[in-house]
Amino acid sequence: MGVALADVAKSFGSTQALRGVSLEPAAGEVLAVVGANGAGKSTLNKILSGALAPDSGDVLVDGEPVRFNSPLDARQAGVETVHQHASDWTIPGLSTAENLVLDRLATGEDGPWASPRRLLPKAREVAEGLGLHLSNAALLDDVARLGVSERQLIAVARSLSQQPRLLILDEPTSALSATEAERLFTIVRSLREQGVAILYVSHRLGEVDALADRVAVMRDGLLVATFAKPFTREDVVNAMLGELAEDIARPSGHVAGKAIVEIEGARLFEHSTPFDLQLREGEVLGLTGLIGAGKSELLGALFGLRPLPEGTIALDGAAIRPTHPAEAIGHGVHLVPEDRAAQALIPGWSVRGNATLALARRFFTQIGRERTRVIDLIKDLRVRTDGPEAPIESLSGGNQQKVVVGRWLLKPARVLALDEPFRGVDLGARRDIAAKARELSSGAAIVVASADVDEVLEVADRIVVLSHGSVVQDVLAKDATRESLTLAMNA
């Protein structure tokens, strides 16, 4: 007995997000939930966590129907959730210590005037429950100074401190390095042994294969299949997509064109080794490495977010040194950022408004033309939406990502950089984005940065591995393996 769903349905307008779903994560079990973007996973999570109420059906706690009117009700029933989006993990403006013990602050357990310093012992205890060893300075500093992966670990540690009956992990490794992810896996296995039910939502089938006792597959709001170990990835993918899985077609023997971008003597960090790098026309370059290896720093230098400490950048043979994104965009350099929720989407705006931000100055008086282009984009990338005027918040995470990527596909580019474009994106959406990127590469340089070696092997013609801010491997994708890339990443 525990927390379960019985014949739950939920609709948003004409869209049926859940259609009669029954699900019961068992105590001491890791139940993975997989499915394409828009399959209903997020809605299922929100109902279990008290953020949404079902239109019909029941949430059961120990076999008895209950109604969660808020996330607090769910938490009081023992349900803890670590959400997918970085903006949901922490509260900027508060210290890391305060974010670790938000529950104590909310209940006034430490008094109305508890200072961050007074909270240090308990905050350190919560952090060390996940193996995080933070200095006093780090605990007292604004949590906003932490990177995406560190903030996610703070959210996980806080949830674990509540000793949940059901722990929902929504894409929990999307921002974590391999080492951090392995630490989380150890915690998940330990919680399973302690009898905690774990609902594990992930698009990374390797993780599902390694951790899950059962896999529930959702498609179009339905629970279409459940697999118990042993199961195969092929069976899971076929159930997800409703078709036989096919490998991504990467052209064999591709020939890269001229160098569009030439980077020489580049140093990403103060003490890193300088390197040279070319981005070529007609080529999709995969940029990989552990979190903190320098991927985002390199893309940031191209896009005018941060200068290179040392080195030069040439675009079509002319030296550039963009100091602002507007300057980079003027050169034809476009970036899809890592944190789409905080850096790329405007809440409250429509799909059309978010998709055409890059065109605003050119087409602000041509709404009809703008709408037509967005409708074409929705078709090309197979964005699941009620239409161009639908609120961006009504889309699943993967479909939001397609809109962000599509924004820059509407505007001609010389360089298109995609920073972790597949984070929280299912296999089908990944194929759509990769296919569009490859289509554009005929006249531009495309860079796809990802810490997931399977993703870069899937989409890239050539792969560059960064470690500690330096290039440690530059290889054609056809000559690379998961093992060789992982070894280079950890060099």
Foldseek 3Di string as FASTA:
>chain_A
DAKWWAQFWAADVPATLAGGDTGDQFFLFEEEEEFAFSLNPVVVVCCLQLVDPTPDTAIDGVRHGDHRNHSVSNVVSQEAEQDQALVPQADFPAFLLCSLPVVCCVVCVVHVDDDLVNSVVVSCVLLCVLPHHDDPVNRRDTPVVDDSLVSLSSSVSSRVVSVGQEYEYALSCLPAFPVSVVSVLVVLNVSSVVGHGYYYYHQPVVVCQVGGQKYFYGGSNYRQDMDGPPDDPQVRVCSRVVHGDDAQDDDPPFDWADFFKWKFQFFLDPPDGGDIDTFTFLFEEEEAFTVVLCPVSVLCQLQQNDPTPDTWMAGNRHTDGRNHNVVSVVVQEAELDDNCVPPQDDFPFFLLCSLAPVVCVPCVPPVVVSQVLVVVLCVLLVQDDPGRRHTLVVTGPLSNLSSRLNSSVVPGGQEYEYESSCRSGHPSSLSSSLVSQSVNSNRHGYYYYDNDPVSCLRRGQWYFYGGNRDTQDTGGSVPDDPVVNVVSSVD
